[in-house]
């Protein structure tokens, strides 16, 4: 969320293969500067190919050369999420991270983005949206993250030059792109959400303009005349009349960058405008781009492939075509747009953090492949018992940690010791408390590092009445580790919180088939 001008820290030195990501500039903090930063529709990346399925021109090999490619995940193995599990039919969900870069690496991008003093500096991931396609391909969910969200960025290693960027805590998420490329942004998302990401797609300023031109414009709506320009220079310059307008080219970019003029002049309002744009673009592509004009389709394919940077798993036209077939299976009415629930940081003015409870719940729904529109039957959260037999209780080593701290409450003193003693009383004489670590864990969880300890971990869970779904494999632990969460702050009897699979209202749900969406114009920006 961008509520105030912000520092732009250029902390890395970059080069770029294939033309796109690298920036040259000295390490260290750069001077504070006012920035008119982009936040526009990276979400168009996934939907643009929705309209191309079935067209033979996709197989023309020269299109492959247009695509720029980069590594999918350049974080440490320990920070990566486990791969999504298949459903009963053997189908697996798809998770694609959509990234909008504010790169000013070319004259065209610099002209469109303004801010001459940031030319050729490290790019930022000013748009980040996770697109989740259900395993059965019946529904799709999109989760946006405000660009000023404070997150922990893991250690990342640049795949081109081997440069290592150390882990950072409480850092704005859009800094991740400048730390080795989009693979670091992917690593940051996996560390935060524990959702395995299968692919990424990235686009820059010029790509947004060219895509809007290629499809002939996208219909957007405002409830009053708007001019996004203030007396002190804020605003994208967007000027529209009340009602619906088909925007393309630079005007489309202005729409997607506009913060000053929509609702409360915040990035949250801007994300809402981007969702409206994405929904309209999906409909445009499905209604028009598949209708058999070979020249128009060829133009769209050329534009899309030149605009994109993707991971190797999507690095050919054939692979994009296969993805488009999967995406086209989802009806528009089952596409759900959301924004990660957030709250203002209490320690860093103008920044936000994931909202305790609600954000974790939204990530869980995506991770467990539960539709955000509420139209799925409730899925069982159960886990099969391990085939690996557990050792005798008195031979199972258990480390107990205190994870009762939350965003609103301090940790309960001595909680790890209390539960370790409880386990000893139940016959787990090798249980010990780790009093050196205090964590923040919403729910009590038992982690184990390898398959040969899964049975032991499940035995501990059974003895305490903890569901097997709370037993997780993790490379972050060296043995069976019980983290007492904020849901077990007192007592010696664990009662699991009741789960419901309703999307939190703070996620600001928008349905993809809603044609009545219209942005409210801030009264200070009308004409």
Protein backbone atom coordinates (compact mmCIF):
# COMPACT_ATOMS: atom_id res chain seq x y z
CA UNK A 1 0.00 0.00 0.00
CA UNK A 2 1.47 3.28 -1.01
CA UNK A 3 0.21 6.05 1.24
CA UNK A 4 3.29 8.23 1.38
CA UNK A 5 6.31 8.82 -0.83
CA UNK A 6 8.88 6.18 -0.17
CA UNK A 7 12.58 5.59 -0.34
CA UNK A 8 13.79 3.68 -3.32
CA UNK A 9 16.75 1.64 -2.16
CA UNK A 10 18.96 0.40 -4.95
CA UNK A 11 20.84 -2.33 -3.16
CA UNK A 12 22.16 -4.50 -5.94
CA UNK A 13 24.25 -4.46 -9.06
CA UNK A 14 22.61 -6.16 -11.99
CA UNK A 15 23.13 -7.28 -15.56
CA UNK A 16 20.48 -9.12 -17.59
CA UNK A 17 20.46 -12.00 -20.00
CA UNK A 18 17.81 -11.91 -22.68
CA UNK A 19 17.16 -8.24 -22.00
CA UNK A 20 14.94 -7.41 -19.09
CA UNK A 21 15.96 -7.76 -15.45
CA UNK A 22 19.47 -6.48 -14.82
CA UNK A 23 20.29 -3.05 -13.53
CA UNK A 24 23.69 -1.46 -13.09
CA UNK A 25 24.22 0.61 -9.99
CA UNK A 26 26.34 0.62 -6.83
CA UNK A 27 25.44 -1.40 -3.79
CA UNK A 28 24.11 0.47 -0.78
CA UNK A 29 21.29 2.82 -0.10
CA UNK A 30 20.55 5.50 -2.65
CA UNK A 31 19.31 8.97 -1.79
CA UNK A 32 15.72 9.44 -0.81
CA UNK A 33 13.55 10.45 -3.73
CA UNK A 34 9.92 10.92 -4.54
CA UNK A 35 8.71 8.20 -6.85
CA UNK A 36 5.65 7.79 -8.89
CA UNK A 37 5.66 4.05 -8.66
CA UNK A 38 3.78 1.69 -10.93
CA UNK A 39 1.10 -0.65 -9.64
CA UNK A 40 -0.70 -2.04 -12.66
CA UNK A 41 -2.10 -5.27 -13.95
CA UNK A 42 0.40 -8.04 -13.90
CA UNK A 43 -2.73 -10.13 -13.66
CA UNK A 44 -3.15 -9.66 -17.43
CA UNK A 45 -0.25 -12.03 -17.87
CA UNK A 46 -2.23 -15.12 -17.05
CA UNK A 47 -5.46 -14.17 -18.74
CA UNK A 48 -3.92 -12.92 -21.96
CA UNK A 49 -3.33 -16.44 -23.14
CA UNK A 50 -6.91 -17.43 -22.35
CA UNK A 51 -7.97 -16.23 -25.77
CA UNK A 52 -5.33 -18.02 -27.75
CA UNK A 53 -6.20 -21.67 -27.28
CA UNK A 54 -6.86 -23.64 -30.44
CA UNK A 55 -5.07 -21.31 -32.81
CA UNK A 56 -2.46 -23.06 -34.91
CA UNK A 57 -0.16 -20.08 -35.11
CA UNK A 58 0.88 -20.76 -31.50
CA UNK A 59 3.14 -23.49 -32.79
CA UNK A 60 5.26 -21.19 -34.91
CA UNK A 61 8.69 -21.62 -33.43
CA UNK A 62 9.84 -18.06 -33.98
CA UNK A 63 7.56 -17.02 -31.13
CA UNK A 64 9.70 -19.01 -28.72
CA UNK A 65 12.58 -16.61 -29.29
CA UNK A 66 10.43 -13.72 -28.08
CA UNK A 67 10.09 -15.17 -24.59
CA UNK A 68 12.56 -14.11 -21.90
CA UNK A 69 13.28 -16.75 -19.25
CA UNK A 70 14.55 -16.74 -15.69
CA UNK A 71 14.92 -19.17 -12.76
CA UNK A 72 11.72 -20.08 -10.91
CA UNK A 73 12.93 -20.10 -7.30
CA UNK A 74 16.37 -18.92 -6.18
CA UNK A 75 15.79 -19.14 -2.44
CA UNK A 76 17.20 -21.76 -0.06
CA UNK A 77 15.63 -25.19 -0.09
CA UNK A 78 14.56 -24.80 3.55
CA UNK A 79 12.34 -21.83 2.65
CA UNK A 80 10.47 -23.66 -0.11
CA UNK A 81 6.96 -25.01 0.18
CA UNK A 82 6.13 -28.66 -0.42
CA UNK A 83 4.62 -29.50 -3.80
CA UNK A 84 0.83 -29.51 -3.98
CA UNK A 85 -0.74 -32.91 -3.46
CA UNK A 86 -2.97 -34.53 -6.08
CA UNK A 87 -6.67 -35.04 -5.45
CA UNK A 88 -8.41 -38.42 -5.58
CA UNK A 89 -8.52 -38.22 -9.38
CA UNK A 90 -4.79 -37.62 -9.62
CA UNK A 91 -5.19 -33.93 -10.56
CA UNK A 92 -3.00 -31.23 -9.04
CA UNK A 93 -3.67 -27.49 -8.65
CA UNK A 94 -1.65 -24.83 -10.47
CA UNK A 95 -0.14 -21.82 -8.69
CA UNK A 96 1.26 -19.03 -10.87
CA UNK A 97 2.82 -15.86 -9.47
CA UNK A 98 2.08 -12.81 -11.62
CA UNK A 99 4.65 -10.03 -11.29
CA UNK A 100 4.52 -6.46 -12.57
CA UNK A 101 7.97 -4.91 -12.73
CA UNK A 102 8.59 -1.16 -12.50
CA UNK A 103 11.81 -1.67 -14.48
CA UNK A 104 13.17 1.42 -16.22
CA UNK A 105 15.80 -0.50 -18.15
CA UNK A 106 14.96 0.93 -21.57
CA UNK A 107 14.09 4.35 -22.94
CA UNK A 108 10.55 3.15 -23.59
CA UNK A 109 10.04 1.89 -20.03
CA UNK A 110 11.66 5.00 -18.57
CA UNK A 111 9.42 7.27 -20.63
CA UNK A 112 6.28 5.39 -19.60
CA UNK A 113 7.30 5.16 -15.95
CA UNK A 114 8.72 8.62 -15.50
CA UNK A 115 11.11 9.08 -12.56
CA UNK A 116 14.27 9.79 -14.58
CA UNK A 117 16.45 9.46 -11.50
CA UNK A 118 15.57 5.76 -11.24
CA UNK A 119 16.70 4.81 -14.76
CA UNK A 120 18.67 1.56 -14.80
CA UNK A 121 18.33 0.95 -11.05
CA UNK A 122 17.15 -2.29 -9.45
CA UNK A 123 13.57 -3.18 -10.48
CA UNK A 124 10.80 -3.67 -7.96
CA UNK A 125 7.90 -6.08 -8.00
CA UNK A 126 5.21 -3.46 -7.65
CA UNK A 127 2.46 -5.88 -8.63
CA UNK A 128 2.32 -9.35 -7.09
CA UNK A 129 -0.66 -11.62 -7.56
CA UNK A 130 -0.91 -15.34 -6.94
CA UNK A 131 -3.19 -17.09 -9.42
CA UNK A 132 -4.48 -20.44 -8.17
CA UNK A 133 -6.24 -22.86 -10.53
CA UNK A 134 -8.04 -25.67 -8.72
CA UNK A 135 -6.97 -29.27 -9.28
CA UNK A 136 -10.26 -30.11 -11.00
CA UNK A 137 -10.11 -26.87 -13.05
CA UNK A 138 -13.57 -25.79 -11.89
CA UNK A 139 -12.47 -22.53 -10.24
CA UNK A 140 -9.69 -19.96 -10.08
CA UNK A 141 -8.60 -17.64 -7.28
CA UNK A 142 -6.36 -14.57 -7.40
CA UNK A 143 -4.68 -13.16 -4.27
CA UNK A 144 -3.08 -9.71 -4.51
CA UNK A 145 -0.48 -8.51 -2.04
CA UNK A 146 -0.13 -4.76 -1.36
CA UNK A 147 3.31 -3.70 -2.57
CA UNK A 148 4.26 -2.15 0.78
CA UNK A 149 3.59 -5.31 2.79
CA UNK A 150 6.40 -6.00 5.25
CA UNK A 151 7.64 -9.57 4.88
CA UNK A 152 10.70 -11.69 5.58
CA UNK A 153 12.67 -12.04 2.34
CA UNK A 154 14.74 -15.26 2.34
CA UNK A 155 18.34 -15.61 1.23
CA UNK A 156 18.49 -15.60 -2.58
CA UNK A 157 21.31 -16.49 -4.97
CA UNK A 158 21.50 -14.81 -8.37
CA UNK A 159 21.54 -17.65 -10.95
CA UNK A 160 23.67 -15.66 -13.40
CA UNK A 161 26.60 -14.47 -11.31
CA UNK A 162 26.27 -16.44 -8.08
CA UNK A 163 25.85 -13.32 -5.94
CA UNK A 164 24.22 -14.16 -2.61
CA UNK A 165 21.69 -11.79 -1.05
CA UNK A 166 21.29 -12.39 2.68
CA UNK A 167 17.89 -12.87 4.28
CA UNK A 168 16.03 -9.73 5.38
CA UNK A 169 13.31 -9.26 7.99
CA UNK A 170 10.40 -6.82 7.94
CA UNK A 171 11.19 -5.53 4.43
CA UNK A 172 8.69 -4.35 1.80
CA UNK A 173 7.85 -7.20 -0.51
CA UNK A 174 8.53 -5.35 -3.77
CA UNK A 175 12.25 -5.22 -2.89
CA UNK A 176 12.46 -8.96 -3.54
CA UNK A 177 12.70 -8.57 -7.34
CA UNK A 178 15.97 -6.64 -7.13
CA UNK A 179 17.64 -9.44 -5.16
CA UNK A 180 18.50 -11.78 -8.01
CA UNK A 181 15.32 -11.60 -10.08
CA UNK A 182 11.75 -12.94 -10.07
CA UNK A 183 12.94 -16.19 -8.49
CA UNK A 184 13.49 -14.28 -5.24
CA UNK A 185 9.94 -12.89 -5.35
CA UNK A 186 8.70 -16.47 -5.80
CA UNK A 187 10.85 -17.59 -2.84
CA UNK A 188 9.41 -14.77 -0.70
CA UNK A 189 5.84 -15.84 -1.46
CA UNK A 190 6.56 -19.48 -0.68
CA UNK A 191 8.19 -18.58 2.64
CA UNK A 192 5.23 -16.39 3.63
CA UNK A 193 2.33 -18.55 2.45
CA UNK A 194 3.73 -22.11 2.42
CA UNK A 195 2.07 -22.43 -1.01
CA UNK A 196 4.14 -24.17 -3.69
CA UNK A 197 4.44 -21.97 -6.80
CA UNK A 198 4.64 -23.82 -10.11
CA UNK A 199 5.36 -20.90 -12.46
CA UNK A 200 5.78 -17.13 -12.68
CA UNK A 201 4.99 -14.62 -15.41
CA UNK A 202 6.38 -11.07 -15.39
CA UNK A 203 5.67 -7.98 -17.49
CA UNK A 204 6.94 -4.37 -17.48
CA UNK A 205 5.54 -0.93 -18.42
CA UNK A 206 5.92 -1.32 -22.16
CA UNK A 207 4.39 -4.80 -22.05
CA UNK A 208 1.18 -3.52 -20.46
CA UNK A 209 0.79 -0.84 -23.13
CA UNK A 210 1.42 -3.23 -26.02
CA UNK A 211 -0.99 -5.85 -24.63
CA UNK A 212 -3.82 -3.35 -24.21
CA UNK A 213 -3.30 -2.21 -27.80
CA UNK A 214 -3.24 -5.79 -29.10
CA UNK A 215 -6.69 -6.68 -27.75
CA UNK A 216 -8.31 -3.43 -28.84
CA UNK A 217 -8.94 -1.96 -25.41
CA UNK A 218 -10.50 -3.01 -22.10
CA UNK A 219 -13.81 -1.61 -20.75
CA UNK A 220 -13.52 0.12 -17.37
CA UNK A 221 -16.03 2.19 -15.41
CA UNK A 222 -15.94 5.24 -13.09
CA UNK A 223 -18.92 6.72 -11.25
CA UNK A 224 -17.86 10.32 -11.96
CA UNK A 225 -15.48 12.26 -14.20
CA UNK A 226 -11.94 11.66 -13.00
CA UNK A 227 -8.61 13.40 -13.49
CA UNK A 228 -5.82 11.78 -11.50
CA UNK A 229 -3.67 14.86 -11.02
CA UNK A 230 -3.16 16.93 -7.86
CA UNK A 231 -1.72 20.40 -7.39
CA UNK A 232 1.51 18.97 -5.96
CA UNK A 233 2.07 16.60 -8.89
CA UNK A 234 0.56 13.38 -7.58
CA UNK A 235 -1.44 11.18 -9.92
CA UNK A 236 -1.20 9.02 -13.02
CA UNK A 237 -2.72 11.62 -15.35
CA UNK A 238 -5.77 9.44 -16.07
CA UNK A 239 -8.66 11.54 -17.36
CA UNK A 240 -11.99 9.84 -18.10
CA UNK A 241 -15.66 10.79 -18.28
CA UNK A 242 -18.23 9.17 -16.02
CA UNK A 243 -19.36 5.75 -17.21
CA UNK A 244 -17.63 3.05 -19.25
CA UNK A 245 -14.59 3.70 -21.45
CA UNK A 246 -12.48 1.27 -23.47
CA UNK A 247 -8.92 2.05 -22.43
CA UNK A 248 -5.80 0.94 -24.26
CA UNK A 249 -2.18 1.98 -24.68
CA UNK A 250 -0.91 4.60 -22.26
CA UNK A 251 -4.44 5.24 -21.01
CA UNK A 252 -4.68 1.60 -19.89
CA UNK A 253 -1.37 1.97 -18.06
CA UNK A 254 -2.69 5.12 -16.39
CA UNK A 255 -5.78 3.25 -15.20
CA UNK A 256 -3.68 0.49 -13.71
CA UNK A 257 -1.30 2.91 -11.99
CA UNK A 258 -3.98 5.23 -10.58
CA UNK A 259 -4.07 5.60 -6.81
CA UNK A 260 -4.84 9.31 -6.46
CA UNK A 261 -8.46 9.63 -7.54
CA UNK A 262 -9.87 6.21 -6.65
CA UNK A 263 -11.79 5.94 -3.38
CA UNK A 264 -9.40 6.78 -0.50
CA UNK A 265 -6.27 7.32 -2.62
CA UNK A 266 -4.61 4.11 -1.38
CA UNK A 267 -3.00 1.08 -2.98
CA UNK A 268 -5.96 -1.01 -1.82
CA UNK A 269 -8.26 1.06 -4.03
CA UNK A 270 -5.75 0.73 -6.85
CA UNK A 271 -5.79 -3.07 -6.46
CA UNK A 272 -9.59 -2.98 -6.73
CA UNK A 273 -9.29 -1.06 -10.01
CA UNK A 274 -6.80 -3.63 -11.26
CA UNK A 275 -9.23 -6.43 -10.43
CA UNK A 276 -11.93 -4.66 -12.43
CA UNK A 277 -9.51 -4.39 -15.35
CA UNK A 278 -8.55 -8.04 -15.14
CA UNK A 279 -12.14 -9.25 -15.05
CA UNK A 280 -12.98 -7.12 -18.07
CA UNK A 281 -9.92 -8.34 -19.94
CA UNK A 282 -10.85 -11.98 -19.32
CA UNK A 283 -14.27 -11.34 -20.81
CA UNK A 284 -12.81 -9.44 -23.76
CA UNK A 285 -10.41 -12.23 -24.60
CA UNK A 286 -13.04 -14.92 -24.33
CA UNK A 287 -15.68 -13.01 -26.25
CA UNK A 288 -13.45 -11.68 -29.02
CA UNK A 289 -9.96 -13.10 -29.31
CA UNK A 290 -11.01 -16.67 -30.06
CA UNK A 291 -13.32 -15.80 -32.93
CA UNK A 292 -11.11 -16.75 -35.82
CA UNK A 293 -9.32 -13.69 -37.17
CA UNK A 294 -5.86 -15.18 -37.83
CA UNK A 295 -4.12 -11.83 -38.27
CA UNK A 296 -5.46 -10.46 -34.99
CA UNK A 297 -4.57 -13.66 -33.16
CA UNK A 298 -1.09 -13.62 -34.65
CA UNK A 299 -0.63 -10.03 -33.50
CA UNK A 300 -1.79 -10.96 -30.01
CA UNK A 301 0.61 -13.90 -29.84
CA UNK A 302 3.56 -11.79 -31.02
CA UNK A 303 2.75 -9.08 -28.49
CA UNK A 304 2.21 -11.47 -25.59
CA UNK A 305 5.43 -13.43 -26.11
CA UNK A 306 7.51 -10.26 -26.44
CA UNK A 307 5.95 -8.80 -23.29
CA UNK A 308 6.61 -11.78 -21.01
CA UNK A 309 9.41 -13.07 -18.85
CA UNK A 310 8.64 -16.59 -17.61
CA UNK A 311 10.26 -19.52 -15.84
CA UNK A 312 11.72 -22.39 -17.85
CA UNK A 313 8.59 -24.44 -17.24
CA UNK A 314 6.65 -21.95 -19.42
CA UNK A 315 9.57 -21.12 -21.69
CA UNK A 316 8.06 -22.21 -25.01
CA UNK A 317 4.93 -21.35 -26.93
CA UNK A 318 3.83 -24.97 -26.71
CA UNK A 319 4.00 -24.85 -22.90
CA UNK A 320 2.03 -21.59 -22.83
CA UNK A 321 -0.52 -23.20 -25.12
CA UNK A 322 -0.86 -26.15 -22.75
CA UNK A 323 -1.35 -23.72 -19.87
CA UNK A 324 -3.97 -21.80 -21.82
CA UNK A 325 -6.00 -24.99 -22.29
CA UNK A 326 -6.01 -25.53 -18.53
CA UNK A 327 -7.03 -21.94 -17.81
CA UNK A 328 -9.84 -22.03 -20.36
CA UNK A 329 -11.53 -24.83 -18.47
CA UNK A 330 -12.44 -22.42 -15.67
CA UNK A 331 -15.76 -20.57 -16.20
CA UNK A 332 -15.56 -16.80 -15.72
CA UNK A 333 -18.22 -16.94 -13.00
CA UNK A 334 -15.89 -19.14 -10.91
CA UNK A 335 -12.97 -16.65 -10.94
CA UNK A 336 -12.56 -14.91 -7.59
CA UNK A 337 -10.34 -11.85 -7.03
CA UNK A 338 -9.10 -11.09 -3.51
CA UNK A 339 -6.59 -8.90 -1.70
CA UNK A 340 -4.48 -10.38 1.09
CA UNK A 341 -6.05 -9.26 4.41
CA UNK A 342 -3.78 -6.61 5.91
CA UNK A 343 -3.42 -4.09 8.70
CA UNK A 344 -1.14 -1.12 9.21
CA UNK A 345 2.22 -1.82 10.77
CA UNK A 346 2.58 -0.52 14.33
CA UNK A 347 6.33 -0.01 13.90
CA UNK A 348 6.69 1.30 10.35
CA UNK A 349 4.39 4.12 9.30
CA UNK A 350 2.79 3.78 5.89
CA UNK A 351 3.53 0.05 5.62
CA UNK A 352 1.20 -2.88 6.15
CA UNK A 353 1.52 -6.43 7.47
CA UNK A 354 -0.58 -9.56 6.88
CA UNK A 355 -3.65 -9.39 9.13
CA UNK A 356 -3.30 -12.01 11.88
CA UNK A 357 -5.76 -14.83 11.43
CA UNK A 358 -7.41 -13.66 8.22
CA UNK A 359 -4.30 -13.70 6.01
CA UNK A 360 -3.25 -17.11 7.29
CA UNK A 361 -6.76 -18.40 6.69
CA UNK A 362 -6.82 -17.13 3.11
CA UNK A 363 -3.44 -18.77 2.43
CA UNK A 364 -4.73 -22.02 3.97
CA UNK A 365 -7.78 -22.05 1.70
CA UNK A 366 -5.56 -21.65 -1.34
CA UNK A 367 -3.06 -24.20 -0.06
CA UNK A 368 -5.83 -26.74 0.55
CA UNK A 369 -7.41 -26.01 -2.84
CA UNK A 370 -10.67 -24.72 -1.39
CA UNK A 371 -12.62 -22.41 -3.72
CA UNK A 372 -12.80 -18.82 -2.47
CA UNK A 373 -16.29 -18.34 -3.90
CA UNK A 374 -17.69 -20.84 -1.38
CA UNK A 375 -19.24 -23.07 -4.04
CA UNK A 376 -17.17 -26.19 -3.36
CA UNK A 377 -18.23 -29.01 -1.13
CA UNK A 378 -16.24 -28.98 2.10
CA UNK A 379 -13.01 -30.88 1.65
CA UNK A 380 -11.69 -33.12 4.37
CA UNK A 381 -8.56 -31.76 6.04
CA UNK A 382 -7.61 -35.23 7.27
CA UNK A 383 -4.25 -36.84 6.67
CA UNK A 384 -3.56 -40.54 6.31
CA UNK A 385 -1.65 -42.20 9.10
CA UNK A 386 2.00 -42.83 8.30
CA UNK A 387 3.05 -46.26 7.09
CA UNK A 388 6.24 -45.80 9.11
CA UNK A 389 5.66 -47.29 12.58
CA UNK A 390 6.28 -45.05 15.57
CA UNK A 391 8.99 -45.82 18.08
CA UNK A 392 8.08 -46.48 21.69
CA UNK A 393 6.86 -43.32 23.42
CA UNK A 394 9.85 -43.20 25.77
CA UNK A 395 12.23 -43.31 22.78
CA UNK A 396 10.67 -40.46 20.80
CA UNK A 397 12.71 -37.28 21.21
CA UNK A 398 10.44 -34.23 21.14
CA UNK A 399 11.51 -30.61 21.26
CA UNK A 400 8.77 -28.21 22.45
CA UNK A 401 8.81 -24.55 21.44
CA UNK A 402 6.66 -21.60 22.51
CA UNK A 403 4.76 -20.13 19.55
CA UNK A 404 2.03 -18.35 21.49
CA UNK A 405 3.12 -14.85 20.50
CA UNK A 406 0.80 -13.13 18.02
CA UNK A 407 0.41 -9.73 16.40
CA UNK A 408 -1.78 -8.61 19.28
CA UNK A 409 -0.58 -10.69 22.26
CA UNK A 410 2.72 -11.37 23.97
CA UNK A 411 3.94 -14.94 24.33
CA UNK A 412 2.75 -16.87 27.39
CA UNK A 413 5.78 -17.29 29.67
CA UNK A 414 6.84 -20.88 30.31
CA UNK A 415 4.43 -22.44 27.83
CA UNK A 416 7.02 -24.71 26.20
CA UNK A 417 8.11 -26.05 29.60
CA UNK A 418 4.51 -26.74 30.65
CA UNK A 419 3.70 -28.81 27.57
CA UNK A 420 7.06 -30.61 27.67
CA UNK A 421 6.23 -31.69 31.22
CA UNK A 422 2.79 -32.80 30.02
CA UNK A 423 4.42 -35.03 27.42
CA UNK A 424 6.84 -36.48 29.96
CA UNK A 425 3.84 -37.35 32.13
CA UNK A 426 2.31 -39.18 29.17
CA UNK A 427 5.41 -41.34 28.78
CA UNK A 428 7.43 -39.24 26.30
CA UNK A 429 10.40 -39.02 28.64
CA UNK A 430 12.68 -37.62 25.93
CA UNK A 431 10.53 -34.46 25.57
CA UNK A 432 12.40 -31.22 26.35
CA UNK A 433 11.53 -27.55 26.24
CA UNK A 434 13.45 -25.15 24.01
CA UNK A 435 13.37 -21.99 26.12
CA UNK A 436 15.70 -20.06 23.82
CA UNK A 437 13.11 -19.57 21.07
CA UNK A 438 9.79 -17.72 21.07
CA UNK A 439 7.82 -17.99 17.85
CA UNK A 440 4.57 -16.73 16.38
CA UNK A 441 2.41 -19.65 15.30
CA UNK A 442 -1.32 -19.17 14.84
CA UNK A 443 -2.02 -22.85 15.33
CA UNK A 444 -0.25 -25.57 17.24
CA UNK A 445 1.82 -27.65 14.81
CA UNK A 446 4.14 -30.65 14.96
CA UNK A 447 6.98 -30.68 12.44
CA UNK A 448 9.35 -33.48 11.45
CA UNK A 449 12.31 -33.40 9.02
CA UNK A 450 12.15 -36.78 7.21
CA UNK A 451 9.81 -39.66 6.38
CA UNK A 452 11.35 -41.98 8.98
CA UNK A 453 10.10 -39.64 11.73
CA UNK A 454 6.58 -39.11 10.41
CA UNK A 455 5.17 -41.97 12.50
CA UNK A 456 6.81 -40.56 15.64
CA UNK A 457 5.37 -37.09 14.97
CA UNK A 458 1.89 -38.51 14.41
CA UNK A 459 2.15 -40.53 17.64
CA UNK A 460 2.87 -37.31 19.57
CA UNK A 461 -0.10 -35.63 17.90
CA UNK A 462 -2.43 -38.50 18.79
CA UNK A 463 -1.37 -38.43 22.42
CA UNK A 464 -2.28 -34.72 22.69
CA UNK A 465 -5.46 -34.79 20.60
CA UNK A 466 -3.90 -32.78 17.77
CA UNK A 467 -5.26 -33.49 14.27
CA UNK A 468 -2.93 -35.31 11.87
CA UNK A 469 -3.43 -32.41 9.43
CA UNK A 470 -1.33 -30.34 11.86
CA UNK A 471 1.64 -32.69 11.46
CA UNK A 472 3.90 -31.21 8.79
CA UNK A 473 7.15 -32.24 7.14
CA UNK A 474 9.69 -29.41 7.34
CA UNK A 475 13.40 -29.05 6.62
CA UNK A 476 13.55 -26.26 9.22
CA UNK A 477 13.67 -28.75 12.09
CA UNK A 478 16.17 -31.48 12.91
CA UNK A 479 13.78 -33.74 14.82
CA UNK A 480 10.16 -34.00 15.97
CA UNK A 481 9.27 -30.47 17.07
CA UNK A 482 6.04 -29.37 18.73
CA UNK A 483 5.29 -25.65 18.45
CA UNK A 484 2.61 -24.62 20.94
CA UNK A 485 0.54 -22.07 19.04
CA UNK A 486 -1.63 -19.09 19.91
CA UNK A 487 -4.63 -21.45 19.90
CA UNK A 488 -3.28 -23.20 23.04
CA UNK A 489 -2.29 -20.41 25.39
CA UNK A 490 -3.47 -22.11 28.57
CA UNK A 491 -4.38 -25.48 30.07
CA UNK A 492 -3.11 -28.97 29.32
CA UNK A 493 -5.97 -30.14 27.08
CA UNK A 494 -5.72 -29.12 23.43
CA UNK A 495 -8.94 -28.12 21.72
CA UNK A 496 -8.55 -27.54 18.00
CA UNK A 497 -10.28 -24.39 16.73
CA UNK A 498 -13.26 -25.04 14.51
CA UNK A 499 -12.42 -24.56 10.87
CA UNK A 500 -14.72 -22.96 8.40
CA UNK A 501 -13.87 -22.56 4.75
CA UNK A 502 -15.41 -19.14 4.23
CA UNK A 503 -13.19 -16.53 2.63
CA UNK A 504 -12.52 -13.71 5.14
CA UNK A 505 -14.54 -10.58 4.42
CA UNK A 506 -11.31 -8.59 4.75
CA UNK A 507 -10.12 -10.26 1.51
CA UNK A 508 -12.45 -7.94 -0.48
CA UNK A 509 -13.87 -10.57 -2.81
CA UNK A 510 -14.78 -9.65 -6.42
CA UNK A 511 -16.36 -12.18 -8.80
CA UNK A 512 -14.94 -12.47 -12.30
CA UNK A 513 -18.34 -12.36 -14.02
CA UNK A 514 -19.46 -9.12 -12.36
CA UNK A 515 -20.01 -6.63 -15.19
CA UNK A 516 -21.37 -3.93 -12.88
CA UNK A 517 -18.06 -3.07 -11.25
CA UNK A 518 -17.45 0.68 -11.26
CA UNK A 519 -14.72 2.55 -9.42
CA UNK A 520 -15.77 5.27 -7.01
CA UNK A 521 -14.00 8.55 -7.77
CA UNK A 522 -12.56 10.58 -4.91
CA UNK A 523 -14.41 13.94 -4.89
CA UNK A 524 -11.11 15.80 -4.89
CA UNK A 525 -10.23 14.44 -8.33
CA UNK A 526 -13.33 15.14 -10.38
CA UNK A 527 -13.72 17.66 -13.20
